[in-house]
Amino acid sequence: MSYEFYKILHLTGVFGMLLALGAAAAAGPQIDLAARRRNGILHGIGMVLIIVAGFGMLSRGNLGFPGWIVIKSLLYIVIGALPMLARRREAPMQYILIGLAVAFAATWLAHARPF
């Protein structure tokens, strides 16, 4: 598969994951079990697409394992935990903003490749 295919797959995962994060934060703690399950499935599928396609792009791009990938991996862990945190807190809007900030940082790291 080509680098462009992995890139499209990666971005599709990002969109799905952020959509699930927004839905979980918008519903807050009063979300019903079926909706929570759907959000969890969408978030999980998005996270799997992100990691698989991200490492696919690394292998196709012959980049090795640079330092910015380590930072993106840590950001991946942070954004993976956000729906759980947004469901349990009284102010879910802060988790939407954290999610957008993490997505911005990951995008900048992928574009600039600073180290």
PDB file of N, CA and C in Angstrom:
ATOM      1  N   MET A   1       0.835  -1.178   0.000  1.00  0.00           N
ATOM      2  CA  MET A   1       0.000   0.000   0.000  1.00  0.00           C
ATOM      3  C   MET A   1       0.878   1.238   0.000  1.00  0.00           C
ATOM      4  N   SER A   2       0.374   2.282  -0.591  1.00  0.00           N
ATOM      5  CA  SER A   2       1.166   3.499  -0.758  1.00  0.00           C
ATOM      6  C   SER A   2       1.128   4.387   0.484  1.00  0.00           C
ATOM      7  N   TYR A   3       2.066   5.319   0.505  1.00  0.00           N
ATOM      8  CA  TYR A   3       2.138   6.293   1.589  1.00  0.00           C
ATOM      9  C   TYR A   3       0.850   7.117   1.648  1.00  0.00           C
ATOM     10  N   GLU A   4       0.307   7.491   0.481  1.00  0.00           N
ATOM     11  CA  GLU A   4      -0.921   8.293   0.439  1.00  0.00           C
ATOM     12  C   GLU A   4      -2.115   7.536   1.005  1.00  0.00           C
ATOM     13  N   PHE A   5      -2.180   6.226   0.737  1.00  0.00           N
ATOM     14  CA  PHE A   5      -3.257   5.417   1.292  1.00  0.00           C
ATOM     15  C   PHE A   5      -3.195   5.417   2.816  1.00  0.00           C
ATOM     16  N   TYR A   6      -1.998   5.216   3.356  1.00  0.00           N
ATOM     17  CA  TYR A   6      -1.842   5.231   4.808  1.00  0.00           C
ATOM     18  C   TYR A   6      -2.187   6.597   5.396  1.00  0.00           C
ATOM     19  N   LYS A   7      -1.846   7.642   4.668  1.00  0.00           N
ATOM     20  CA  LYS A   7      -2.145   8.995   5.147  1.00  0.00           C
ATOM     21  C   LYS A   7      -3.654   9.225   5.223  1.00  0.00           C
ATOM     22  N   ILE A   8      -4.388   8.808   4.201  1.00  0.00           N
ATOM     23  CA  ILE A   8      -5.847   8.945   4.193  1.00  0.00           C
ATOM     24  C   ILE A   8      -6.458   8.102   5.308  1.00  0.00           C
ATOM     25  N   LEU A   9      -5.956   6.892   5.495  1.00  0.00           N
ATOM     26  CA  LEU A   9      -6.441   6.021   6.561  1.00  0.00           C
ATOM     27  C   LEU A   9      -6.160   6.636   7.933  1.00  0.00           C
ATOM     28  N   HIS A  10      -4.986   7.228   8.088  1.00  0.00           N
ATOM     29  CA  HIS A  10      -4.595   7.876   9.338  1.00  0.00           C
ATOM     30  C   HIS A  10      -5.532   9.049   9.642  1.00  0.00           C
ATOM     31  N   LEU A  11      -5.784   9.881   8.656  1.00  0.00           N
ATOM     32  CA  LEU A  11      -6.663  11.037   8.862  1.00  0.00           C
ATOM     33  C   LEU A  11      -8.107  10.609   9.120  1.00  0.00           C
ATOM     34  N   THR A  12      -8.550   9.543   8.486  1.00  0.00           N
ATOM     35  CA  THR A  12      -9.888   9.019   8.757  1.00  0.00           C
ATOM     36  C   THR A  12     -10.002   8.578  10.215  1.00  0.00           C
ATOM     37  N   GLY A  13      -8.967   7.932  10.719  1.00  0.00           N
ATOM     38  CA  GLY A  13      -8.940   7.549  12.124  1.00  0.00           C
ATOM     39  C   GLY A  13      -8.964   8.750  13.051  1.00  0.00           C
ATOM     40  N   VAL A  14      -8.221   9.800  12.693  1.00  0.00           N
ATOM     41  CA  VAL A  14      -8.203  11.020  13.508  1.00  0.00           C
ATOM     42  C   VAL A  14      -9.595  11.648  13.551  1.00  0.00           C
ATOM     43  N   PHE A  15     -10.243  11.736  12.404  1.00  0.00           N
ATOM     44  CA  PHE A  15     -11.586  12.335  12.367  1.00  0.00           C
ATOM     45  C   PHE A  15     -12.574  11.516  13.193  1.00  0.00           C
ATOM     46  N   GLY A  16     -12.536  10.191  13.063  1.00  0.00           N
ATOM     47  CA  GLY A  16     -13.437   9.340  13.836  1.00  0.00           C
ATOM     48  C   GLY A  16     -13.188   9.441  15.325  1.00  0.00           C
ATOM     49  N   MET A  17     -11.923   9.472  15.703  1.00  0.00           N
ATOM     50  CA  MET A  17     -11.579   9.562  17.114  1.00  0.00           C
ATOM     51  C   MET A  17     -12.009  10.900  17.700  1.00  0.00           C
ATOM     52  N   LEU A  18     -11.780  11.992  16.980  1.00  0.00           N
ATOM     53  CA  LEU A  18     -12.196  13.307  17.476  1.00  0.00           C
ATOM     54  C   LEU A  18     -13.719  13.446  17.499  1.00  0.00           C
ATOM     55  N   LEU A  19     -14.396  12.830  16.548  1.00  0.00           N
ATOM     56  CA  LEU A  19     -15.858  12.832  16.546  1.00  0.00           C
ATOM     57  C   LEU A  19     -16.395  12.111  17.784  1.00  0.00           C
ATOM     58  N   ALA A  20     -15.808  10.976  18.115  1.00  0.00           N
ATOM     59  CA  ALA A  20     -16.241  10.239  19.305  1.00  0.00           C
ATOM     60  C   ALA A  20     -15.932  11.029  20.576  1.00  0.00           C
ATOM     61  N   LEU A  21     -14.796  11.709  20.606  1.00  0.00           N
ATOM     62  CA  LEU A  21     -14.451  12.532  21.766  1.00  0.00           C
ATOM     63  C   LEU A  21     -15.454  13.664  21.947  1.00  0.00           C
ATOM     64  N   GLY A  22     -15.821  14.320  20.859  1.00  0.00           N
ATOM     65  CA  GLY A  22     -16.806  15.394  20.938  1.00  0.00           C
ATOM     66  C   GLY A  22     -18.173  14.894  21.375  1.00  0.00           C
ATOM     67  N   ALA A  23     -18.571  13.741  20.877  1.00  0.00           N
ATOM     68  CA  ALA A  23     -19.866  13.183  21.264  1.00  0.00           C
ATOM     69  C   ALA A  23     -19.879  12.795  22.744  1.00  0.00           C
ATOM     70  N   ALA A  24     -18.788  12.216  23.223  1.00  0.00           N
ATOM     71  CA  ALA A  24     -18.715  11.832  24.641  1.00  0.00           C
ATOM     72  C   ALA A  24     -18.728  13.065  25.534  1.00  0.00           C
ATOM     73  N   ALA A  25     -18.024  14.106  25.116  1.00  0.00           N
ATOM     74  CA  ALA A  25     -17.980  15.318  25.930  1.00  0.00           C
ATOM     75  C   ALA A  25     -19.310  16.063  25.888  1.00  0.00           C
ATOM     76  N   ALA A  26     -19.979  16.047  24.746  1.00  0.00           N
ATOM     77  CA  ALA A  26     -21.260  16.742  24.630  1.00  0.00           C
ATOM     78  C   ALA A  26     -22.337  16.062  25.475  1.00  0.00           C
ATOM     79  N   ALA A  27     -22.300  14.737  25.538  1.00  0.00           N
ATOM     80  CA  ALA A  27     -23.304  14.018  26.309  1.00  0.00           C
ATOM     81  C   ALA A  27     -23.007  14.068  27.802  1.00  0.00           C
ATOM     82  N   GLY A  28     -21.733  14.118  28.151  1.00  0.00           N
ATOM     83  CA  GLY A  28     -21.359  14.209  29.564  1.00  0.00           C
ATOM     84  C   GLY A  28     -21.663  12.943  30.328  1.00  0.00           C
ATOM     85  N   PRO A  29     -21.825  13.050  31.630  1.00  0.00           N
ATOM     86  CA  PRO A  29     -22.025  11.854  32.460  1.00  0.00           C
ATOM     87  C   PRO A  29     -23.408  11.220  32.317  1.00  0.00           C
ATOM     88  N   GLN A  30     -24.373  11.929  31.747  1.00  0.00           N
ATOM     89  CA  GLN A  30     -25.729  11.372  31.650  1.00  0.00           C
ATOM     90  C   GLN A  30     -25.946  10.530  30.390  1.00  0.00           C
ATOM     91  N   ILE A  31     -24.910  10.196  29.661  1.00  0.00           N
ATOM     92  CA  ILE A  31     -25.041   9.417  28.432  1.00  0.00           C
ATOM     93  C   ILE A  31     -25.536   7.994  28.757  1.00  0.00           C
ATOM     94  N   ASP A  32     -26.414   7.464  27.904  1.00  0.00           N
ATOM     95  CA  ASP A  32     -26.915   6.117  28.138  1.00  0.00           C
ATOM     96  C   ASP A  32     -25.907   5.073  27.645  1.00  0.00           C
ATOM     97  N   LEU A  33     -26.124   3.844  28.038  1.00  0.00           N
ATOM     98  CA  LEU A  33     -25.161   2.781  27.785  1.00  0.00           C
ATOM     99  C   LEU A  33     -24.968   2.523  26.292  1.00  0.00           C
ATOM    100  N   ALA A  34     -26.038   2.532  25.507  1.00  0.00           N
ATOM    101  CA  ALA A  34     -25.925   2.259  24.072  1.00  0.00           C
ATOM    102  C   ALA A  34     -25.107   3.344  23.372  1.00  0.00           C
ATOM    103  N   ALA A  35     -25.352   4.598  23.717  1.00  0.00           N
ATOM    104  CA  ALA A  35     -24.588   5.688  23.109  1.00  0.00           C
ATOM    105  C   ALA A  35     -23.126   5.643  23.555  1.00  0.00           C
ATOM    106  N   ARG A  36     -22.891   5.305  24.796  1.00  0.00           N
ATOM    107  CA  ARG A  36     -21.511   5.188  25.290  1.00  0.00           C
ATOM    108  C   ARG A  36     -20.777   4.078  24.548  1.00  0.00           C
ATOM    109  N   ARG A  37     -21.479   2.980  24.296  1.00  0.00           N
ATOM    110  CA  ARG A  37     -20.878   1.865  23.569  1.00  0.00           C
ATOM    111  C   ARG A  37     -20.541   2.274  22.135  1.00  0.00           C
ATOM    112  N   ARG A  38     -21.466   2.974  21.468  1.00  0.00           N
ATOM    113  CA  ARG A  38     -21.196   3.438  20.096  1.00  0.00           C
ATOM    114  C   ARG A  38     -20.008   4.392  20.058  1.00  0.00           C
ATOM    115  N   ASN A  39     -19.955   5.322  21.008  1.00  0.00           N
ATOM    116  CA  ASN A  39     -18.819   6.239  21.067  1.00  0.00           C
ATOM    117  C   ASN A  39     -17.522   5.492  21.321  1.00  0.00           C
ATOM    118  N   GLY A  40     -17.564   4.504  22.184  1.00  0.00           N
ATOM    119  CA  GLY A  40     -16.373   3.720  22.480  1.00  0.00           C
ATOM    120  C   GLY A  40     -15.880   2.935  21.275  1.00  0.00           C
ATOM    121  N   ILE A  41     -16.828   2.380  20.533  1.00  0.00           N
ATOM    122  CA  ILE A  41     -16.459   1.636  19.325  1.00  0.00           C
ATOM    123  C   ILE A  41     -15.845   2.565  18.298  1.00  0.00           C
ATOM    124  N   LEU A  42     -16.464   3.725  18.074  1.00  0.00           N
ATOM    125  CA  LEU A  42     -15.927   4.683  17.107  1.00  0.00           C
ATOM    126  C   LEU A  42     -14.555   5.180  17.545  1.00  0.00           C
ATOM    127  N   HIS A  43     -14.407   5.462  18.818  1.00  0.00           N
ATOM    128  CA  HIS A  43     -13.122   5.920  19.330  1.00  0.00           C
ATOM    129  C   HIS A  43     -12.056   4.834  19.177  1.00  0.00           C
ATOM    130  N   GLY A  44     -12.406   3.612  19.499  1.00  0.00           N
ATOM    131  CA  GLY A  44     -11.455   2.498  19.385  1.00  0.00           C
ATOM    132  C   GLY A  44     -11.041   2.227  17.953  1.00  0.00           C
ATOM    133  N   ILE A  45     -12.009   2.233  17.042  1.00  0.00           N
ATOM    134  CA  ILE A  45     -11.684   2.020  15.629  1.00  0.00           C
ATOM    135  C   ILE A  45     -10.791   3.151  15.128  1.00  0.00           C
ATOM    136  N   GLY A  46     -11.119   4.379  15.513  1.00  0.00           N
ATOM    137  CA  GLY A  46     -10.283   5.512  15.118  1.00  0.00           C
ATOM    138  C   GLY A  46      -8.870   5.390  15.641  1.00  0.00           C
ATOM    139  N   MET A  47      -8.725   4.968  16.897  1.00  0.00           N
ATOM    140  CA  MET A  47      -7.395   4.818  17.480  1.00  0.00           C
ATOM    141  C   MET A  47      -6.600   3.714  16.780  1.00  0.00           C
ATOM    142  N   VAL A  48      -7.255   2.607  16.439  1.00  0.00           N
ATOM    143  CA  VAL A  48      -6.564   1.529  15.728  1.00  0.00           C
ATOM    144  C   VAL A  48      -6.128   2.003  14.350  1.00  0.00           C
ATOM    145  N   LEU A  49      -7.004   2.714  13.643  1.00  0.00           N
ATOM    146  CA  LEU A  49      -6.631   3.236  12.330  1.00  0.00           C
ATOM    147  C   LEU A  49      -5.454   4.201  12.432  1.00  0.00           C
ATOM    148  N   ILE A  50      -5.453   5.026  13.452  1.00  0.00           N
ATOM    149  CA  ILE A  50      -4.362   5.984  13.636  1.00  0.00           C
ATOM    150  C   ILE A  50      -3.039   5.255  13.820  1.00  0.00           C
ATOM    151  N   ILE A  51      -2.994   4.276  14.692  1.00  0.00           N
ATOM    152  CA  ILE A  51      -1.731   3.614  15.006  1.00  0.00           C
ATOM    153  C   ILE A  51      -1.249   2.746  13.840  1.00  0.00           C
ATOM    154  N   VAL A  52      -2.156   2.004  13.215  1.00  0.00           N
ATOM    155  CA  VAL A  52      -1.759   1.137  12.103  1.00  0.00           C
ATOM    156  C   VAL A  52      -1.296   1.968  10.914  1.00  0.00           C
ATOM    157  N   ALA A  53      -2.076   2.966  10.559  1.00  0.00           N
ATOM    158  CA  ALA A  53      -1.703   3.794   9.416  1.00  0.00           C
ATOM    159  C   ALA A  53      -0.477   4.646   9.717  1.00  0.00           C
ATOM    160  N   GLY A  54      -0.335   5.098  10.950  1.00  0.00           N
ATOM    161  CA  GLY A  54       0.846   5.879  11.314  1.00  0.00           C
ATOM    162  C   GLY A  54       2.121   5.080  11.157  1.00  0.00           C
ATOM    163  N   PHE A  55       2.121   3.855  11.648  1.00  0.00           N
ATOM    164  CA  PHE A  55       3.314   3.031  11.479  1.00  0.00           C
ATOM    165  C   PHE A  55       3.480   2.571  10.034  1.00  0.00           C
ATOM    166  N   GLY A  56       2.381   2.447   9.298  1.00  0.00           N
ATOM    167  CA  GLY A  56       2.490   2.172   7.864  1.00  0.00           C
ATOM    168  C   GLY A  56       3.166   3.310   7.124  1.00  0.00           C
ATOM    169  N   MET A  57       2.814   4.551   7.503  1.00  0.00           N
ATOM    170  CA  MET A  57       3.479   5.710   6.886  1.00  0.00           C
ATOM    171  C   MET A  57       4.953   5.749   7.257  1.00  0.00           C
ATOM    172  N   LEU A  58       5.273   5.376   8.493  1.00  0.00           N
ATOM    173  CA  LEU A  58       6.684   5.336   8.901  1.00  0.00           C
ATOM    174  C   LEU A  58       7.468   4.336   8.058  1.00  0.00           C
ATOM    175  N   SER A  59       6.886   3.175   7.818  1.00  0.00           N
ATOM    176  CA  SER A  59       7.610   2.168   7.040  1.00  0.00           C
ATOM    177  C   SER A  59       7.726   2.567   5.572  1.00  0.00           C
ATOM    178  N   ARG A  60       6.691   3.179   5.017  1.00  0.00           N
ATOM    179  CA  ARG A  60       6.733   3.600   3.607  1.00  0.00           C
ATOM    180  C   ARG A  60       7.590   4.840   3.392  1.00  0.00           C
ATOM    181  N   GLY A  61       7.693   5.667   4.410  1.00  0.00           N
ATOM    182  CA  GLY A  61       8.462   6.892   4.275  1.00  0.00           C
ATOM    183  C   GLY A  61       9.940   6.733   4.583  1.00  0.00           C
ATOM    184  N   ASN A  62      10.352   5.526   5.026  1.00  0.00           N
ATOM    185  CA  ASN A  62      11.746   5.254   5.381  1.00  0.00           C
ATOM    186  C   ASN A  62      12.292   6.308   6.334  1.00  0.00           C
ATOM    187  N   LEU A  63      11.532   6.589   7.381  1.00  0.00           N
ATOM    188  CA  LEU A  63      11.910   7.618   8.338  1.00  0.00           C
ATOM    189  C   LEU A  63      12.658   7.081   9.543  1.00  0.00           C
ATOM    190  N   GLY A  64      12.669   5.778   9.736  1.00  0.00           N
ATOM    191  CA  GLY A  64      13.251   5.226  10.952  1.00  0.00           C
ATOM    192  C   GLY A  64      12.287   5.431  12.105  1.00  0.00           C
ATOM    193  N   PHE A  65      12.825   5.793  13.269  1.00  0.00           N
ATOM    194  CA  PHE A  65      11.985   6.076  14.433  1.00  0.00           C
ATOM    195  C   PHE A  65      12.481   7.362  15.086  1.00  0.00           C
ATOM    196  N   PRO A  66      12.153   8.511  14.478  1.00  0.00           N
ATOM    197  CA  PRO A  66      12.653   9.791  14.997  1.00  0.00           C
ATOM    198  C   PRO A  66      11.996  10.181  16.321  1.00  0.00           C
ATOM    199  N   GLY A  67      12.561  11.190  16.970  1.00  0.00           N
ATOM    200  CA  GLY A  67      12.086  11.628  18.283  1.00  0.00           C
ATOM    201  C   GLY A  67      10.673  12.163  18.283  1.00  0.00           C
ATOM    202  N   TRP A  68      10.250  12.800  17.205  1.00  0.00           N
ATOM    203  CA  TRP A  68       8.907  13.361  17.185  1.00  0.00           C
ATOM    204  C   TRP A  68       7.845  12.264  17.194  1.00  0.00           C
ATOM    205  N   ILE A  69       8.195  11.070  16.760  1.00  0.00           N
ATOM    206  CA  ILE A  69       7.257   9.941  16.816  1.00  0.00           C
ATOM    207  C   ILE A  69       7.027   9.526  18.268  1.00  0.00           C
ATOM    208  N   VAL A  70       8.061   9.614  19.090  1.00  0.00           N
ATOM    209  CA  VAL A  70       7.912   9.290  20.512  1.00  0.00           C
ATOM    210  C   VAL A  70       6.926  10.258  21.162  1.00  0.00           C
ATOM    211  N   ILE A  71       7.059  11.545  20.851  1.00  0.00           N
ATOM    212  CA  ILE A  71       6.140  12.553  21.399  1.00  0.00           C
ATOM    213  C   ILE A  71       4.724  12.306  20.893  1.00  0.00           C
ATOM    214  N   LYS A  72       4.573  11.992  19.605  1.00  0.00           N
ATOM    215  CA  LYS A  72       3.238  11.708  19.067  1.00  0.00           C
ATOM    216  C   LYS A  72       2.631  10.473  19.735  1.00  0.00           C
ATOM    217  N   SER A  73       3.451   9.491  20.069  1.00  0.00           N
ATOM    218  CA  SER A  73       2.953   8.299  20.752  1.00  0.00           C
ATOM    219  C   SER A  73       2.432   8.644  22.146  1.00  0.00           C
ATOM    220  N   LEU A  74       3.124   9.541  22.838  1.00  0.00           N
ATOM    221  CA  LEU A  74       2.643   9.987  24.152  1.00  0.00           C
ATOM    222  C   LEU A  74       1.337  10.778  24.016  1.00  0.00           C
ATOM    223  N   LEU A  75       1.244  11.605  22.992  1.00  0.00           N
ATOM    224  CA  LEU A  75      -0.001  12.344  22.743  1.00  0.00           C
ATOM    225  C   LEU A  75      -1.135  11.382  22.412  1.00  0.00           C
ATOM    226  N   TYR A  76      -0.820  10.303  21.723  1.00  0.00           N
ATOM    227  CA  TYR A  76      -1.791   9.263  21.388  1.00  0.00           C
ATOM    228  C   TYR A  76      -2.383   8.646  22.660  1.00  0.00           C
ATOM    229  N   ILE A  77      -1.538   8.417  23.651  1.00  0.00           N
ATOM    230  CA  ILE A  77      -2.006   7.861  24.921  1.00  0.00           C
ATOM    231  C   ILE A  77      -2.911   8.856  25.644  1.00  0.00           C
ATOM    232  N   VAL A  78      -2.530  10.134  25.630  1.00  0.00           N
ATOM    233  CA  VAL A  78      -3.339  11.172  26.285  1.00  0.00           C
ATOM    234  C   VAL A  78      -4.718  11.253  25.648  1.00  0.00           C
ATOM    235  N   ILE A  79      -4.755  11.314  24.325  1.00  0.00           N
ATOM    236  CA  ILE A  79      -6.046  11.470  23.653  1.00  0.00           C
ATOM    237  C   ILE A  79      -6.874  10.185  23.739  1.00  0.00           C
ATOM    238  N   GLY A  80      -6.224   9.060  23.954  1.00  0.00           N
ATOM    239  CA  GLY A  80      -6.956   7.812  24.147  1.00  0.00           C
ATOM    240  C   GLY A  80      -7.728   7.777  25.459  1.00  0.00           C
ATOM    241  N   ALA A  81      -7.252   8.497  26.452  1.00  0.00           N
ATOM    242  CA  ALA A  81      -7.903   8.506  27.767  1.00  0.00           C
ATOM    243  C   ALA A  81      -8.953   9.607  27.905  1.00  0.00           C
ATOM    244  N   LEU A  82      -9.006  10.538  26.991  1.00  0.00           N
ATOM    245  CA  LEU A  82      -9.911  11.681  27.148  1.00  0.00           C
ATOM    246  C   LEU A  82     -11.400  11.336  27.216  1.00  0.00           C
ATOM    247  N   PRO A  83     -11.934  10.397  26.431  1.00  0.00           N
ATOM    248  CA  PRO A  83     -13.369  10.116  26.565  1.00  0.00           C
ATOM    249  C   PRO A  83     -13.742   9.603  27.954  1.00  0.00           C
ATOM    250  N   MET A  84     -12.868   8.815  28.543  1.00  0.00           N
ATOM    251  CA  MET A  84     -13.138   8.319  29.886  1.00  0.00           C
ATOM    252  C   MET A  84     -13.170   9.483  30.882  1.00  0.00           C
ATOM    253  N   LEU A  85     -12.239  10.416  30.742  1.00  0.00           N
ATOM    254  CA  LEU A  85     -12.203  11.564  31.641  1.00  0.00           C
ATOM    255  C   LEU A  85     -13.385  12.499  31.407  1.00  0.00           C
ATOM    256  N   ALA A  86     -13.754  12.706  30.151  1.00  0.00           N
ATOM    257  CA  ALA A  86     -14.868  13.606  29.829  1.00  0.00           C
ATOM    258  C   ALA A  86     -16.191  13.065  30.362  1.00  0.00           C
ATOM    259  N   ARG A  87     -16.306  11.770  30.456  1.00  0.00           N
ATOM    260  CA  ARG A  87     -17.546  11.151  30.936  1.00  0.00           C
ATOM    261  C   ARG A  87     -17.708  11.313  32.438  1.00  0.00           C
ATOM    262  N   ARG A  88     -16.611  11.486  33.150  1.00  0.00           N
ATOM    263  CA  ARG A  88     -16.663  11.487  34.613  1.00  0.00           C
ATOM    264  C   ARG A  88     -16.592  12.868  35.234  1.00  0.00           C
ATOM    265  N   ARG A  89     -16.403  13.888  34.482  1.00  0.00           N
ATOM    266  CA  ARG A  89     -16.216  15.226  35.035  1.00  0.00           C
ATOM    267  C   ARG A  89     -17.421  16.107  34.753  1.00  0.00           C
ATOM    268  N   GLU A  90     -17.491  17.200  35.481  1.00  0.00           N
ATOM    269  CA  GLU A  90     -18.606  18.135  35.344  1.00  0.00           C
ATOM    270  C   GLU A  90     -18.409  19.127  34.200  1.00  0.00           C
ATOM    271  N   ALA A  91     -17.171  19.361  33.773  1.00  0.00           N
ATOM    272  CA  ALA A  91     -16.887  20.345  32.724  1.00  0.00           C
ATOM    273  C   ALA A  91     -16.243  19.661  31.520  1.00  0.00           C
ATOM    274  N   PRO A  92     -17.049  19.008  30.666  1.00  0.00           N
ATOM    275  CA  PRO A  92     -16.460  18.266  29.552  1.00  0.00           C
ATOM    276  C   PRO A  92     -15.865  19.165  28.468  1.00  0.00           C
ATOM    277  N   MET A  93     -16.221  20.441  28.436  1.00  0.00           N
ATOM    278  CA  MET A  93     -15.694  21.325  27.406  1.00  0.00           C
ATOM    279  C   MET A  93     -14.181  21.446  27.494  1.00  0.00           C
ATOM    280  N   GLN A  94     -13.643  21.370  28.684  1.00  0.00           N
ATOM    281  CA  GLN A  94     -12.189  21.455  28.814  1.00  0.00           C
ATOM    282  C   GLN A  94     -11.517  20.261  28.142  1.00  0.00           C
ATOM    283  N   TYR A  95     -12.171  19.110  28.103  1.00  0.00           N
ATOM    284  CA  TYR A  95     -11.598  17.945  27.450  1.00  0.00           C
ATOM    285  C   TYR A  95     -11.679  18.045  25.937  1.00  0.00           C
ATOM    286  N   ILE A  96     -12.690  18.725  25.436  1.00  0.00           N
ATOM    287  CA  ILE A  96     -12.735  19.002  24.002  1.00  0.00           C
ATOM    288  C   ILE A  96     -11.565  19.903  23.623  1.00  0.00           C
ATOM    289  N   LEU A  97     -11.319  20.918  24.417  1.00  0.00           N
ATOM    290  CA  LEU A  97     -10.204  21.825  24.144  1.00  0.00           C
ATOM    291  C   LEU A  97      -8.857  21.114  24.283  1.00  0.00           C
ATOM    292  N   ILE A  98      -8.727  20.239  25.262  1.00  0.00           N
ATOM    293  CA  ILE A  98      -7.499  19.451  25.398  1.00  0.00           C
ATOM    294  C   ILE A  98      -7.317  18.558  24.174  1.00  0.00           C
ATOM    295  N   GLY A  99      -8.392  17.935  23.722  1.00  0.00           N
ATOM    296  CA  GLY A  99      -8.325  17.089  22.530  1.00  0.00           C
ATOM    297  C   GLY A  99      -7.902  17.866  21.298  1.00  0.00           C
ATOM    298  N   LEU A 100      -8.443  19.062  21.133  1.00  0.00           N
ATOM    299  CA  LEU A 100      -8.040  19.889  19.994  1.00  0.00           C
ATOM    300  C   LEU A 100      -6.583  20.331  20.112  1.00  0.00           C
ATOM    301  N   ALA A 101      -6.144  20.652  21.312  1.00  0.00           N
ATOM    302  CA  ALA A 101      -4.750  21.052  21.515  1.00  0.00           C
ATOM    303  C   ALA A 101      -3.801  19.890  21.218  1.00  0.00           C
ATOM    304  N   VAL A 102      -4.171  18.698  21.658  1.00  0.00           N
ATOM    305  CA  VAL A 102      -3.339  17.519  21.396  1.00  0.00           C
ATOM    306  C   VAL A 102      -3.321  17.217  19.898  1.00  0.00           C
ATOM    307  N   ALA A 103      -4.468  17.325  19.241  1.00  0.00           N
ATOM    308  CA  ALA A 103      -4.524  17.100  17.795  1.00  0.00           C
ATOM    309  C   ALA A 103      -3.683  18.139  17.053  1.00  0.00           C
ATOM    310  N   PHE A 104      -3.731  19.382  17.504  1.00  0.00           N
ATOM    311  CA  PHE A 104      -2.901  20.424  16.896  1.00  0.00           C
ATOM    312  C   PHE A 104      -1.424  20.111  17.075  1.00  0.00           C
ATOM    313  N   ALA A 105      -1.029  19.717  18.273  1.00  0.00           N
ATOM    314  CA  ALA A 105       0.377  19.403  18.535  1.00  0.00           C
ATOM    315  C   ALA A 105       0.849  18.224  17.689  1.00  0.00           C
ATOM    316  N   ALA A 106       0.017  17.201  17.573  1.00  0.00           N
ATOM    317  CA  ALA A 106       0.383  16.044  16.760  1.00  0.00           C
ATOM    318  C   ALA A 106       0.499  16.424  15.289  1.00  0.00           C
ATOM    319  N   THR A 107      -0.400  17.277  14.813  1.00  0.00           N
ATOM    320  CA  THR A 107      -0.335  17.729  13.429  1.00  0.00           C
ATOM    321  C   THR A 107       0.918  18.543  13.178  1.00  0.00           C
ATOM    322  N   TRP A 108       1.237  19.433  14.108  1.00  0.00           N
ATOM    323  CA  TRP A 108       2.445  20.243  13.954  1.00  0.00           C
ATOM    324  C   TRP A 108       3.694  19.365  13.948  1.00  0.00           C
ATOM    325  N   LEU A 109       3.745  18.381  14.841  1.00  0.00           N
ATOM    326  CA  LEU A 109       4.894  17.491  14.887  1.00  0.00           C
ATOM    327  C   LEU A 109       5.062  16.721  13.574  1.00  0.00           C
ATOM    328  N   ALA A 110       3.953  16.265  13.004  1.00  0.00           N
ATOM    329  CA  ALA A 110       4.028  15.518  11.746  1.00  0.00           C
ATOM    330  C   ALA A 110       4.452  16.416  10.593  1.00  0.00           C
ATOM    331  N   HIS A 111       4.015  17.653  10.626  1.00  0.00           N
ATOM    332  CA  HIS A 111       4.347  18.567   9.525  1.00  0.00           C
ATOM    333  C   HIS A 111       5.766  19.120   9.646  1.00  0.00           C
ATOM    334  N   ALA A 112       6.140  19.584  10.835  1.00  0.00           N
ATOM    335  CA  ALA A 112       7.439  20.237  11.016  1.00  0.00           C
ATOM    336  C   ALA A 112       8.577  19.236  11.210  1.00  0.00           C
ATOM    337  N   ARG A 113       8.299  18.084  11.815  1.00  0.00           N
ATOM    338  CA  ARG A 113       9.326  17.082  12.120  1.00  0.00           C
ATOM    339  C   ARG A 113      10.554  17.733  12.741  1.00  0.00           C
ATOM    340  N   PRO A 114      10.383  18.346  13.916  1.00  0.00           N
ATOM    341  CA  PRO A 114      11.457  19.167  14.474  1.00  0.00           C
ATOM    342  C   PRO A 114      12.687  18.408  14.954  1.00  0.00           C
ATOM    343  N   PHE A 115      12.550  17.146  15.292  1.00  0.00           N
ATOM    344  CA  PHE A 115      13.708  16.381  15.774  1.00  0.00           C
ATOM    345  C   PHE A 115      13.518  14.918  15.486  1.00  0.00           C
TER     346      PHE A 115
END
